[in-house]
C-alpha atoms as a PDB file:
ATOM      1  CA  MET A   1     -19.315  20.752  -5.691  1.00  0.00           C
ATOM      2  CA  LYS A   2     -20.548  23.865  -3.993  1.00  0.00           C
ATOM      3  CA  LYS A   3     -23.272  25.964  -5.534  1.00  0.00           C
ATOM      4  CA  HIS A   4     -23.728  29.668  -4.972  1.00  0.00           C
ATOM      5  CA  HIS A   5     -26.969  30.743  -3.385  1.00  0.00           C
ATOM      6  CA  GLU A   6     -28.627  33.888  -4.719  1.00  0.00           C
ATOM      7  CA  LYS A   7     -27.249  35.960  -1.813  1.00  0.00           C
ATOM      8  CA  GLY A   8     -23.674  34.781  -2.409  1.00  0.00           C
ATOM      9  CA  ALA A   9     -23.571  32.180   0.358  1.00  0.00           C
ATOM     10  CA  ARG A  10     -22.244  28.776  -0.598  1.00  0.00           C
ATOM     11  CA  VAL A  11     -24.677  25.879  -0.438  1.00  0.00           C
ATOM     12  CA  ALA A  12     -23.401  22.318  -0.409  1.00  0.00           C
ATOM     13  CA  GLU A  13     -24.721  19.943  -3.039  1.00  0.00           C
ATOM     14  CA  PRO A  14     -26.906  17.287  -1.421  1.00  0.00           C
ATOM     15  CA  VAL A  15     -26.039  13.656  -2.098  1.00  0.00           C
ATOM     16  CA  GLN A  16     -28.128  10.689  -1.054  1.00  0.00           C
ATOM     17  CA  VAL A  17     -26.226   7.552  -0.064  1.00  0.00           C
ATOM     18  CA  TYR A  18     -27.669   4.204   1.007  1.00  0.00           C
ATOM     19  CA  LEU A  19     -25.487   2.397   3.531  1.00  0.00           C
ATOM     20  CA  GLU A  20     -25.808  -1.105   4.837  1.00  0.00           C
ATOM     21  CA  ARG A  21     -26.067  -1.341   8.633  1.00  0.00           C
ATOM     22  CA  PRO A  22     -22.346  -2.047   9.305  1.00  0.00           C
ATOM     23  CA  ASP A  23     -21.298   0.959   7.205  1.00  0.00           C
ATOM     24  CA  ALA A  24     -23.936   3.207   8.789  1.00  0.00           C
ATOM     25  CA  ASP A  25     -22.722   2.137  12.240  1.00  0.00           C
ATOM     26  CA  ARG A  26     -19.125   2.781  11.214  1.00  0.00           C
ATOM     27  CA  LEU A  27     -20.062   6.277  10.017  1.00  0.00           C
ATOM     28  CA  VAL A  28     -21.772   7.081  13.324  1.00  0.00           C
ATOM     29  CA  ARG A  29     -18.787   5.742  15.335  1.00  0.00           C
ATOM     30  CA  LEU A  30     -16.278   7.733  13.288  1.00  0.00           C
ATOM     31  CA  ALA A  31     -18.317  10.910  13.577  1.00  0.00           C
ATOM     32  CA  ALA A  32     -18.444  10.493  17.367  1.00  0.00           C
ATOM     33  CA  GLN A  33     -14.713   9.711  17.604  1.00  0.00           C
ATOM     34  CA  LEU A  34     -13.766  12.699  15.465  1.00  0.00           C
ATOM     35  CA  GLY A  35     -16.311  15.063  16.956  1.00  0.00           C
ATOM     36  CA  ALA A  36     -17.520  15.730  13.430  1.00  0.00           C
ATOM     37  CA  THR A  37     -20.725  15.446  11.479  1.00  0.00           C
ATOM     38  CA  LYS A  38     -21.388  12.419   9.318  1.00  0.00           C
ATOM     39  CA  SER A  39     -21.065  14.710   6.293  1.00  0.00           C
ATOM     40  CA  GLU A  40     -17.622  15.831   7.433  1.00  0.00           C
ATOM     41  CA  VAL A  41     -16.524  12.212   7.935  1.00  0.00           C
ATOM     42  CA  LEU A  42     -17.639  11.399   4.390  1.00  0.00           C
ATOM     43  CA  ARG A  43     -15.815  14.463   3.021  1.00  0.00           C
ATOM     44  CA  ARG A  44     -12.623  13.464   4.846  1.00  0.00           C
ATOM     45  CA  GLY A  45     -13.011   9.902   3.590  1.00  0.00           C
ATOM     46  CA  LEU A  46     -13.356  11.103   0.002  1.00  0.00           C
ATOM     47  CA  ALA A  47     -10.289  13.321   0.357  1.00  0.00           C
ATOM     48  CA  ALA A  48      -8.275  10.435   1.833  1.00  0.00           C
ATOM     49  CA  LEU A  49      -9.372   8.073  -0.924  1.00  0.00           C
ATOM     50  CA  GLU A  50      -8.494  10.635  -3.575  1.00  0.00           C
ATOM     51  CA  ARG A  51      -5.017  11.098  -2.087  1.00  0.00           C
ATOM     52  CA  ALA A  52      -4.503   7.332  -1.955  1.00  0.00           C
ATOM     53  CA  VAL A  53      -5.589   6.863  -5.561  1.00  0.00           C
ATOM     54  CA  THR A  54      -3.736   9.822  -7.060  1.00  0.00           C
ATOM     55  CA  ASP A  55      -0.553   9.708  -4.968  1.00  0.00           C
ATOM     56  CA  PRO A  56       2.078   7.818  -6.983  1.00  0.00           C
ATOM     57  CA  THR A  57       3.761   6.596  -3.809  1.00  0.00           C
ATOM     58  CA  SER A  58       0.599   4.704  -2.886  1.00  0.00           C
ATOM     59  CA  HIS A  59       0.857   2.400  -5.932  1.00  0.00           C
ATOM     60  CA  PRO A  60       1.934  -1.088  -4.787  1.00  0.00           C
ATOM     61  CA  ALA A  61       4.697  -1.412  -7.398  1.00  0.00           C
ATOM     62  CA  LEU A  62       6.079   2.011  -6.595  1.00  0.00           C
ATOM     63  CA  ARG A  63       6.051   1.193  -2.886  1.00  0.00           C
ATOM     64  CA  LEU A  64       8.190  -1.861  -3.685  1.00  0.00           C
ATOM     65  CA  ILE A  65      10.606   0.342  -5.596  1.00  0.00           C
ATOM     66  CA  GLY A  66      10.811   2.597  -2.566  1.00  0.00           C
ATOM     67  CA  LEU A  67      11.493  -0.431  -0.404  1.00  0.00           C
ATOM     68  CA  ALA A  68      14.280  -1.503  -2.746  1.00  0.00           C
ATOM     69  CA  GLU A  69      15.772   1.979  -2.628  1.00  0.00           C
ATOM     70  CA  ARG A  70      15.743   1.919   1.171  1.00  0.00           C
ATOM     71  CA  GLU A  71      17.362  -1.527   1.150  1.00  0.00           C
ATOM     72  CA  ALA A  72      20.052  -0.304  -1.235  1.00  0.00           C
ATOM     73  CA  GLN A  73      21.256   2.320   1.232  1.00  0.00           C
ATOM     74  CA  PRO A  74      24.679   1.737   2.765  1.00  0.00           C
ATOM     75  CA  ASP A  75      24.554  -0.602   5.728  1.00  0.00           C
ATOM     76  CA  ARG A  76      27.408  -1.335   8.108  1.00  0.00           C
ATOM     77  CA  GLY A  77      29.862   0.519   5.883  1.00  0.00           C
ATOM     78  CA  SER A  78      29.186  -1.386   2.658  1.00  0.00           C
ATOM     79  CA  ALA A  79      26.791  -0.565  -0.155  1.00  0.00           C
ATOM     80  CA  ARG A  80      24.021  -3.097  -0.537  1.00  0.00           C
ATOM     81  CA  ASN A  81      22.699  -3.942  -3.982  1.00  0.00           C
ATOM     82  CA  VAL A  82      19.276  -5.551  -3.774  1.00  0.00           C
ATOM     83  CA  ALA A  83      19.407  -6.985  -7.294  1.00  0.00           C
ATOM     84  CA  ARG A  84      22.858  -8.485  -6.764  1.00  0.00           C
ATOM     85  CA  ARG A  85      21.832  -9.992  -3.427  1.00  0.00           C
ATOM     86  CA  HIS A  86      18.792 -11.460  -5.158  1.00  0.00           C
ATOM     87  CA  ASP A  87      20.957 -12.939  -7.931  1.00  0.00           C
ATOM     88  CA  ASP A  88      23.463 -14.254  -5.395  1.00  0.00           C
ATOM     89  CA  ALA A  89      20.700 -15.959  -3.414  1.00  0.00           C
ATOM     90  CA  LEU A  90      19.334 -17.611  -6.562  1.00  0.00           C
ATOM     91  CA  ALA A  91      22.836 -18.726  -7.568  1.00  0.00           C
ATOM     92  CA  ARG A  92      23.503 -20.223  -4.116  1.00  0.00           C
ATOM     93  CA  ASP A  93      20.237 -22.145  -4.266  1.00  0.00           C
ATOM     94  CA  GLU A  94      21.008 -23.413  -7.753  1.00  0.00           C
ATOM     95  CA  ILE A  95      24.506 -24.565  -6.767  1.00  0.00           C
ATOM     96  CA  ALA A  96      23.105 -26.248  -3.664  1.00  0.00           C
ATOM     97  CA  SER A  97      20.598 -28.122  -5.836  1.00  0.00           C
ATOM     98  CA  TRP A  98      23.490 -29.400  -7.994  1.00  0.00           C
ATOM     99  CA  ARG A  99      25.244 -30.669  -4.892  1.00  0.00           C
ATOM    100  CA  ARG A 100      22.091 -32.399  -3.654  1.00  0.00           C
ATOM    101  CA  SER A 101      21.615 -33.958  -7.077  1.00  0.00           C
ATOM    102  CA  ALA A 102      25.252 -35.158  -7.175  1.00  0.00           C
ATOM    103  CA  ARG A 103      24.897 -36.706  -3.710  1.00  0.00           C
ATOM    104  CA  ARG A 104      21.747 -38.542  -4.745  1.00  0.00           C
ATOM    105  CA  SER A 105      23.483 -39.868  -7.853  1.00  0.00           C
ATOM    106  CA  LYS A 106      26.441 -41.150  -5.800  1.00  0.00           C
ATOM    107  CA  SER A 107      24.161 -42.820  -3.254  1.00  0.00           C
ATOM    108  CA  ARG A 108      22.371 -44.639  -6.097  1.00  0.00           C
ATOM    109  CA  GLY A 109      25.689 -45.907  -7.459  1.00  0.00           C
ATOM    110  CA  ALA A 110      25.603 -43.952 -10.700  1.00  0.00           C
END
């Protein structure tokens, strides 16, 4: 939050943060890489975290839905249905297990 100084100039609100050595080193490295102050790096980090938390497309479940939508796009001239392919794969595995079970029964002389 920015406060207004008596003369109308904006003054940033000071915040004290205690960082462990690895985080302090990371902050210094990022500031040098970005050519920014440590304060600016922290501001950018907060903005990025806020976007990640509030952006619905960043939610893991919603990203999966997006993946499914991309997979459902037409491919090689035929429409692909992710749910149907999933069901078909499960059905194939189930049928294969029946065949394996029948073979085991025959080999045991049942």
